[in-house]
Amino acid sequence: MAEYVVQLVEVAKSFGSLRAVNRVSLNVRPGEFLTLLGPSGCGKTTTLRMIGGFETPDAGGVFIQGEDVSGVPPQGRNTSMVFQDYALFPHMTVAENIAFGLRMKKMPKPKIKTRIEEALHLVNLPGYGDRKPHQLSGGQKQRVALARCLVLQPAVLLLDEPLGALDAQIRKQMQLELINIQKRLGQTFIYVTHDQEESLTMSDKIAIMNKGRLEQLGSPEEVYDSPVTPFVASFLGECNLIEGMLLGTNGNSAVFEHHRLGCLPGCLNKKADYCTNSAAVYCVRPENINMHLTDSFNAKGSNSICIKGVITKCIYQGIVTRHVIRANNVDIMADTLGKGTFIPGEKVTLTWQLEDGIILPKPGDD
């Protein structure tokens, strides 16, 4: 068995003057749930369509189970795709929709019937085989679309924002169902979404894309806690991004200077490329910042980074309250659980641990 189910090697795709995908390389292992994450227009769907054979790369190679399929049409690949709009045949029953691909493969009727029943149980729709798509809810339609693909037993299942048309509550339910199905079958999934929370909830690995490029590939913990670019830090969750200069490095730590906040120690990401005395960005997430009333805070003996400021805004968001603190004419966000006890106008001292501040090279202009 091939080490990787899918390999992309320097794939590129342009539409006229637009470079949709720019030299993307990645490997997907058997049974892995990989999510392609990024904003609209970043190239994630084009990348998925090249894996499925719906787009042909201008350069580079697409390999499925070790075989170069770059010029092979969709029906010649061991892949199957679930679309956001379900793409069910309205005149067919649920069973007929699920059986469609099997009939194209000329599978014997008794085996088709068995596969249909197994697929309906897998997606929690036993007894729905005689219904038509218009008799189903959005979540049920998506389950049928999923069953139609899984029944083909592809090497990799491609999912293009399959939950995008569902309301929030059904979407969360379907996320859990998809995870359970994927783990139960040991099926390789490549999933496209622009929803950061969805990607963190579902994925073994996340590939974050921006302007056609792969910015970072790693586990949810890696890309969230150790971003390699300011874009990754800001796109995946909230982050304070403070621009300044990288003064010097010492092992895994460095000194950052901001013209108003002064020198801040922080950590380096070993996967990023650094140059001393160059433009840099200091990143610290709001949930990693602690707030203390300045009048009662004793910084003596503290190993934390300390910055004083004044609260200008408190925004209740349910699980947390977000505070905006003005510190030397710089706005910094900090979160507290629940409603919180701080109010606008209070003088506070912000603290965080050295390892929670990440210094990243400032990217050049494209």
Protein backbone atom coordinates (compact mmCIF):
# COMPACT_ATOMS: atom_id res chain seq x y z
CA MET A 1 0.00 0.00 0.00
CA ALA A 2 1.25 3.48 -0.88
CA GLU A 3 2.47 5.58 2.05
CA TYR A 4 0.26 8.44 0.90
CA VAL A 5 -3.24 8.27 -0.52
CA VAL A 6 -2.88 11.70 -2.12
CA GLN A 7 0.22 13.65 -3.06
CA LEU A 8 0.33 17.08 -4.63
CA VAL A 9 3.71 18.05 -6.05
CA GLU A 10 4.14 21.74 -6.92
CA VAL A 11 0.67 21.95 -8.49
CA ALA A 12 -0.31 25.26 -10.09
CA LYS A 13 -3.47 26.47 -11.80
CA SER A 14 -4.32 29.79 -13.45
CA PHE A 15 -7.52 31.16 -14.91
CA GLY A 16 -6.43 33.84 -17.35
CA SER A 17 -4.20 36.24 -15.42
CA LEU A 18 -5.39 34.93 -12.05
CA ARG A 19 -3.05 32.44 -10.35
CA ALA A 20 -5.60 30.42 -8.36
CA VAL A 21 -3.14 27.83 -7.00
CA ASN A 22 0.56 28.61 -6.74
CA ARG A 23 2.99 25.64 -6.44
CA VAL A 24 1.17 23.74 -3.68
CA SER A 25 2.68 20.51 -2.33
CA LEU A 26 1.20 18.29 0.36
CA ASN A 27 0.82 14.63 1.36
CA VAL A 28 -2.25 12.91 2.79
CA ARG A 29 -1.89 9.62 4.67
CA PRO A 30 -4.45 6.76 4.65
CA GLY A 31 -7.32 7.39 7.06
CA GLU A 32 -6.41 11.05 7.57
CA PHE A 33 -8.96 13.87 7.81
CA LEU A 34 -7.33 16.83 6.05
CA THR A 35 -9.06 20.19 5.84
CA LEU A 36 -8.21 22.85 3.26
CA LEU A 37 -8.97 26.09 5.07
CA GLY A 38 -8.86 29.67 3.87
CA PRO A 39 -10.88 32.72 2.83
CA SER A 40 -12.96 32.87 -0.33
CA GLY A 41 -10.77 32.92 -3.44
CA CYS A 42 -7.69 31.42 -1.72
CA GLY A 43 -7.54 28.38 -4.03
CA LYS A 44 -8.83 25.65 -1.73
CA THR A 45 -11.74 24.52 -3.96
CA THR A 46 -9.56 24.64 -7.09
CA THR A 47 -7.03 22.43 -5.27
CA LEU A 48 -9.79 19.98 -4.34
CA ARG A 49 -11.10 19.93 -7.91
CA MET A 50 -7.61 19.14 -9.23
CA ILE A 51 -7.44 16.16 -6.87
CA GLY A 52 -10.83 15.00 -8.15
CA GLY A 53 -10.00 15.54 -11.81
CA PHE A 54 -12.50 18.36 -12.40
CA GLU A 55 -9.60 20.74 -13.13
CA THR A 56 -6.29 19.92 -14.80
CA PRO A 57 -3.17 21.50 -13.27
CA ASP A 58 -1.05 23.76 -15.47
CA ALA A 59 2.05 22.43 -13.74
CA GLY A 60 3.00 19.88 -11.11
CA GLY A 61 1.61 16.44 -10.38
CA VAL A 62 -1.42 14.87 -8.67
CA PHE A 63 -0.85 11.34 -7.36
CA ILE A 64 -3.54 8.98 -6.02
CA GLN A 65 -2.16 5.89 -4.23
CA GLY A 66 1.21 6.52 -5.86
CA GLU A 67 -0.15 6.81 -9.43
CA ASP A 68 0.16 10.04 -11.43
CA VAL A 69 -3.43 10.95 -12.36
CA SER A 70 -2.79 14.56 -13.39
CA GLY A 71 -4.44 14.06 -16.80
CA VAL A 72 -6.99 11.41 -15.81
CA PRO A 73 -10.71 12.43 -15.84
CA PRO A 74 -12.84 12.14 -12.66
CA GLN A 75 -14.38 8.78 -13.59
CA GLY A 76 -10.92 7.29 -14.00
CA ARG A 77 -9.78 8.17 -10.47
CA ASN A 78 -10.44 6.31 -7.25
CA THR A 79 -12.06 9.40 -5.72
CA SER A 80 -15.58 10.64 -5.04
CA MET A 81 -16.85 14.15 -4.27
CA VAL A 82 -19.62 15.50 -2.02
CA PHE A 83 -20.86 18.91 -3.17
CA GLN A 84 -22.38 21.74 -1.13
CA ASP A 85 -25.60 21.72 -3.20
CA TYR A 86 -26.04 17.92 -2.76
CA ALA A 87 -26.36 17.33 -6.57
CA LEU A 88 -29.05 14.66 -6.06
CA PHE A 89 -31.19 13.56 -9.00
CA PRO A 90 -34.67 14.90 -8.12
CA HIS A 91 -36.56 12.29 -10.16
CA MET A 92 -34.80 9.36 -8.44
CA THR A 93 -35.51 7.86 -5.04
CA VAL A 94 -32.91 7.90 -2.28
CA ALA A 95 -31.97 4.30 -3.09
CA GLU A 96 -31.67 5.07 -6.80
CA ASN A 97 -29.44 8.06 -6.09
CA ILE A 98 -27.15 5.96 -3.92
CA ALA A 99 -27.08 3.16 -6.49
CA PHE A 100 -26.28 5.41 -9.46
CA GLY A 101 -22.49 5.08 -9.33
CA LEU A 102 -22.66 1.36 -8.65
CA ARG A 103 -24.86 0.83 -11.70
CA MET A 104 -22.37 2.76 -13.81
CA LYS A 105 -19.76 0.29 -12.60
CA LYS A 106 -22.13 -2.57 -13.64
CA MET A 107 -22.17 -4.11 -10.19
CA PRO A 108 -24.60 -7.06 -9.77
CA LYS A 109 -28.06 -6.06 -8.49
CA PRO A 110 -27.98 -8.18 -5.30
CA LYS A 111 -24.67 -6.59 -4.30
CA ILE A 112 -26.02 -3.10 -5.10
CA LYS A 113 -29.01 -3.73 -2.81
CA THR A 114 -26.73 -4.83 0.02
CA ARG A 115 -24.47 -1.80 -0.43
CA ILE A 116 -27.48 0.56 -0.38
CA GLU A 117 -28.79 -0.87 2.89
CA GLU A 118 -25.35 -0.69 4.48
CA ALA A 119 -24.93 2.93 3.34
CA LEU A 120 -28.36 3.98 4.64
CA HIS A 121 -27.57 2.53 8.07
CA LEU A 122 -24.16 4.19 8.03
CA VAL A 123 -25.68 7.66 7.56
CA ASN A 124 -28.59 7.00 9.97
CA LEU A 125 -31.29 6.87 7.27
CA PRO A 126 -32.57 3.26 7.41
CA GLY A 127 -35.96 2.94 5.71
CA TYR A 128 -35.54 6.12 3.62
CA GLY A 129 -34.72 4.33 0.37
CA ASP A 130 -38.12 4.93 -1.30
CA ARG A 131 -38.29 8.68 -0.59
CA LYS A 132 -37.58 11.38 -3.15
CA PRO A 133 -35.13 14.24 -2.45
CA HIS A 134 -37.96 16.81 -2.10
CA GLN A 135 -39.25 14.79 0.89
CA LEU A 136 -35.99 15.23 2.79
CA SER A 137 -34.58 17.98 5.01
CA GLY A 138 -31.29 19.67 4.16
CA GLY A 139 -29.40 17.48 6.62
CA GLN A 140 -31.00 14.33 5.24
CA LYS A 141 -30.14 15.34 1.67
CA GLN A 142 -26.52 15.80 2.69
CA ARG A 143 -26.52 12.35 4.30
CA VAL A 144 -27.80 10.84 1.04
CA ALA A 145 -25.11 12.68 -0.93
CA LEU A 146 -22.53 11.32 1.50
CA ALA A 147 -23.91 7.78 1.22
CA ARG A 148 -23.84 7.97 -2.59
CA CYS A 149 -20.10 8.67 -2.43
CA LEU A 150 -19.18 6.28 0.38
CA VAL A 151 -20.96 3.37 -1.29
CA LEU A 152 -18.32 3.52 -4.06
CA GLN A 153 -15.60 2.88 -1.46
CA PRO A 154 -13.17 5.45 -2.92
CA ALA A 155 -9.56 5.76 -1.85
CA VAL A 156 -10.30 9.36 -0.85
CA LEU A 157 -13.53 11.24 -0.30
CA LEU A 158 -13.50 14.90 -1.35
CA LEU A 159 -15.94 17.25 0.39
CA ASP A 160 -16.46 20.79 -0.94
CA GLU A 161 -18.06 22.82 1.88
CA PRO A 162 -20.70 20.10 2.29
CA LEU A 163 -22.32 21.72 5.35
CA GLY A 164 -22.38 25.28 4.04
CA ALA A 165 -26.12 25.27 3.21
CA LEU A 166 -27.22 23.97 6.63
CA ASP A 167 -28.30 26.05 9.62
CA ALA A 168 -25.95 26.32 12.58
CA GLN A 169 -27.52 23.64 14.81
CA ILE A 170 -27.81 21.00 12.07
CA ARG A 171 -24.31 21.92 10.87
CA LYS A 172 -22.78 21.12 14.26
CA GLN A 173 -24.69 17.84 14.43
CA MET A 174 -23.48 16.87 10.96
CA GLN A 175 -19.89 17.73 11.89
CA LEU A 176 -19.98 15.10 14.64
CA GLU A 177 -21.68 12.57 12.37
CA LEU A 178 -19.06 13.07 9.66
CA ILE A 179 -16.23 12.61 12.17
CA ASN A 180 -17.81 9.41 13.52
CA ILE A 181 -18.34 7.98 10.02
CA GLN A 182 -14.82 8.87 8.93
CA LYS A 183 -13.21 7.27 11.98
CA ARG A 184 -15.46 4.20 11.86
CA LEU A 185 -14.57 3.50 8.23
CA GLY A 186 -10.95 4.64 8.41
CA GLN A 187 -11.79 6.62 5.26
CA THR A 188 -9.46 9.34 3.97
CA PHE A 189 -11.29 12.69 3.84
CA ILE A 190 -10.15 15.93 2.20
CA TYR A 191 -12.54 18.64 3.30
CA VAL A 192 -12.87 22.25 2.14
CA THR A 193 -14.21 24.98 4.42
CA HIS A 194 -13.72 28.64 5.29
CA ASP A 195 -15.05 28.03 8.83
CA GLN A 196 -12.17 28.11 11.32
CA GLU A 197 -14.09 26.48 14.17
CA GLU A 198 -15.26 23.68 11.88
CA SER A 199 -11.68 22.95 10.80
CA LEU A 200 -10.42 22.80 14.39
CA THR A 201 -13.30 20.52 15.43
CA MET A 202 -13.02 17.97 12.63
CA SER A 203 -9.48 17.73 11.32
CA ASP A 204 -6.41 15.60 11.90
CA LYS A 205 -4.44 18.08 9.76
CA ILE A 206 -5.27 21.58 8.50
CA ALA A 207 -3.78 23.11 5.36
CA ILE A 208 -4.24 26.88 5.53
CA MET A 209 -4.24 28.59 2.14
CA ASN A 210 -3.95 32.25 1.20
CA LYS A 211 -3.81 33.80 -2.28
CA GLY A 212 -3.20 30.42 -3.91
CA ARG A 213 -0.35 29.45 -1.58
CA LEU A 214 -0.13 26.91 1.21
CA GLU A 215 0.79 28.99 4.26
CA GLN A 216 0.95 26.19 6.84
CA LEU A 217 0.14 22.49 7.20
CA GLY A 218 -0.15 20.85 10.58
CA SER A 219 -2.39 19.52 13.33
CA PRO A 220 -5.05 21.88 14.76
CA GLU A 221 -2.84 22.42 17.81
CA GLU A 222 0.24 23.21 15.69
CA VAL A 223 -1.39 25.76 13.41
CA TYR A 224 -3.25 27.47 16.27
CA ASP A 225 -0.52 27.54 18.91
CA SER A 226 2.51 27.86 16.59
CA PRO A 227 1.55 29.84 13.47
CA VAL A 228 4.35 30.42 10.94
CA THR A 229 2.91 33.62 9.41
CA PRO A 230 0.83 36.54 10.69
CA PHE A 231 -1.94 35.50 8.26
CA VAL A 232 -2.25 32.07 9.91
CA ALA A 233 -2.24 33.68 13.38
CA SER A 234 -5.03 36.09 12.46
CA PHE A 235 -7.16 33.80 10.28
CA LEU A 236 -7.33 30.90 12.73
CA GLY A 237 -8.90 32.55 15.76
CA GLU A 238 -8.33 36.07 17.07
CA CYS A 239 -4.87 37.47 17.60
CA ASN A 240 -3.20 40.73 18.55
CA LEU A 241 -0.72 41.57 15.77
CA ILE A 242 1.79 44.26 16.69
CA GLU A 243 4.25 45.40 14.04
CA GLY A 244 7.81 46.31 14.95
CA MET A 245 11.40 45.09 14.63
CA LEU A 246 13.19 41.87 15.50
CA LEU A 247 16.29 43.01 17.40
CA GLY A 248 18.00 39.70 18.11
CA THR A 249 17.56 36.01 18.74
CA ASN A 250 18.79 33.63 21.41
CA GLY A 251 17.91 30.01 20.82
CA ASN A 252 14.12 29.74 20.74
CA SER A 253 13.51 33.26 22.05
CA ALA A 254 13.98 36.74 20.68
CA VAL A 255 13.61 40.42 21.48
CA PHE A 256 11.02 42.48 19.67
CA GLU A 257 10.82 46.26 19.70
CA HIS A 258 7.76 48.42 19.16
CA HIS A 259 8.14 52.21 19.00
CA ARG A 260 5.41 52.74 21.62
CA LEU A 261 5.38 49.55 23.69
CA GLY A 262 9.16 49.18 23.94
CA CYS A 263 10.99 45.84 23.99
CA LEU A 264 8.99 42.63 24.32
CA PRO A 265 10.53 39.16 24.68
CA GLY A 266 8.88 36.40 22.71
CA CYS A 267 9.31 32.98 21.14
CA LEU A 268 10.34 32.02 17.62
CA ASN A 269 8.73 29.46 15.37
CA LYS A 270 11.51 27.17 14.15
CA LYS A 271 9.70 26.71 10.80
CA ALA A 272 9.81 30.44 9.99
CA ASP A 273 12.75 32.28 8.41
CA TYR A 274 14.16 35.15 10.49
CA CYS A 275 16.60 38.00 9.92
CA THR A 276 17.70 40.19 12.84
CA ASN A 277 17.09 43.93 12.63
CA SER A 278 14.21 43.30 10.22
CA ALA A 279 10.47 43.99 10.22
CA ALA A 280 8.55 41.56 12.41
CA VAL A 281 5.11 40.99 13.93
CA TYR A 282 4.48 40.18 17.58
CA CYS A 283 1.49 37.85 18.04
CA VAL A 284 -0.37 37.16 21.28
CA ARG A 285 -3.89 35.75 21.52
CA PRO A 286 -6.53 37.54 23.66
CA GLU A 287 -7.26 34.41 25.72
CA ASN A 288 -3.59 34.23 26.79
CA ILE A 289 -3.59 37.74 28.27
CA ASN A 290 -4.42 38.23 31.95
CA MET A 291 -5.82 41.51 33.26
CA HIS A 292 -5.18 42.99 36.70
CA LEU A 293 -6.33 46.25 38.24
CA THR A 294 -3.15 48.32 38.20
CA ASP A 295 -3.70 49.80 41.68
CA SER A 296 -3.74 46.36 43.30
CA PHE A 297 -1.25 44.53 41.06
CA ASN A 298 2.21 43.74 42.38
CA ALA A 299 4.61 42.95 39.54
CA LYS A 300 7.47 42.15 41.89
CA GLY A 301 8.88 38.69 41.21
CA SER A 302 6.69 38.18 38.15
CA ASN A 303 8.24 36.53 35.09
CA SER A 304 5.40 37.68 32.87
CA ILE A 305 5.40 40.42 30.24
CA CYS A 306 3.65 43.45 31.78
CA ILE A 307 1.97 46.35 29.95
CA LYS A 308 -0.20 49.07 31.51
CA GLY A 309 -3.27 50.52 29.85
CA VAL A 310 -6.87 51.68 30.16
CA ILE A 311 -9.97 49.69 29.18
CA THR A 312 -11.85 51.48 26.40
CA LYS A 313 -14.47 48.86 25.53
CA CYS A 314 -16.05 45.68 26.94
CA ILE A 315 -17.89 43.36 24.54
CA TYR A 316 -19.92 40.50 26.04
CA GLN A 317 -19.80 37.45 23.73
CA GLY A 318 -21.41 34.78 25.90
CA ILE A 319 -18.57 32.43 26.78
CA VAL A 320 -16.11 35.33 27.07
CA THR A 321 -16.06 39.09 27.40
CA ARG A 322 -13.64 40.81 25.06
CA HIS A 323 -11.89 43.92 26.35
CA VAL A 324 -10.09 46.53 24.30
CA ILE A 325 -7.25 48.13 26.21
CA ARG A 326 -5.48 51.30 25.08
CA ALA A 327 -1.79 51.03 25.96
CA ASN A 328 0.55 53.79 24.74
CA ASN A 329 -1.80 54.51 21.80
CA VAL A 330 -1.92 50.82 20.84
CA ASP A 331 -5.17 48.81 21.10
CA ILE A 332 -4.77 45.35 22.63
CA MET A 333 -7.56 42.77 22.99
CA ALA A 334 -7.87 40.58 26.10
CA ASP A 335 -10.56 38.06 27.04
CA THR A 336 -12.07 37.04 30.38
CA LEU A 337 -14.49 34.16 30.94
CA GLY A 338 -18.18 34.97 31.24
CA LYS A 339 -19.43 38.47 31.90
CA GLY A 340 -16.25 39.59 33.61
CA THR A 341 -15.88 42.26 36.30
CA PHE A 342 -13.90 44.94 34.46
CA ILE A 343 -15.49 48.12 33.14
CA PRO A 344 -14.42 50.82 30.64
CA GLY A 345 -12.16 53.46 32.13
CA GLU A 346 -10.39 51.16 34.58
CA LYS A 347 -6.60 51.19 34.62
CA VAL A 348 -5.27 47.69 34.14
CA THR A 349 -1.99 45.84 33.81
CA LEU A 350 -1.84 43.18 31.11
CA THR A 351 0.39 40.16 31.63
CA TRP A 352 1.21 37.05 29.62
CA GLN A 353 3.89 34.38 29.60
CA LEU A 354 6.91 34.66 27.31
CA GLU A 355 5.93 31.47 25.43
CA ASP A 356 2.51 32.96 24.59
CA GLY A 357 4.07 35.79 22.59
CA ILE A 358 5.22 34.60 19.16
CA ILE A 359 7.46 36.74 16.96
CA LEU A 360 7.06 36.20 13.21
CA PRO A 361 8.78 37.74 10.19
CA LYS A 362 6.67 40.41 8.54
CA PRO A 363 5.80 39.19 5.03
CA GLY A 364 6.72 41.33 2.05
CA ASP A 365 4.14 42.78 -0.28
CA ASP A 366 2.91 40.43 -3.03
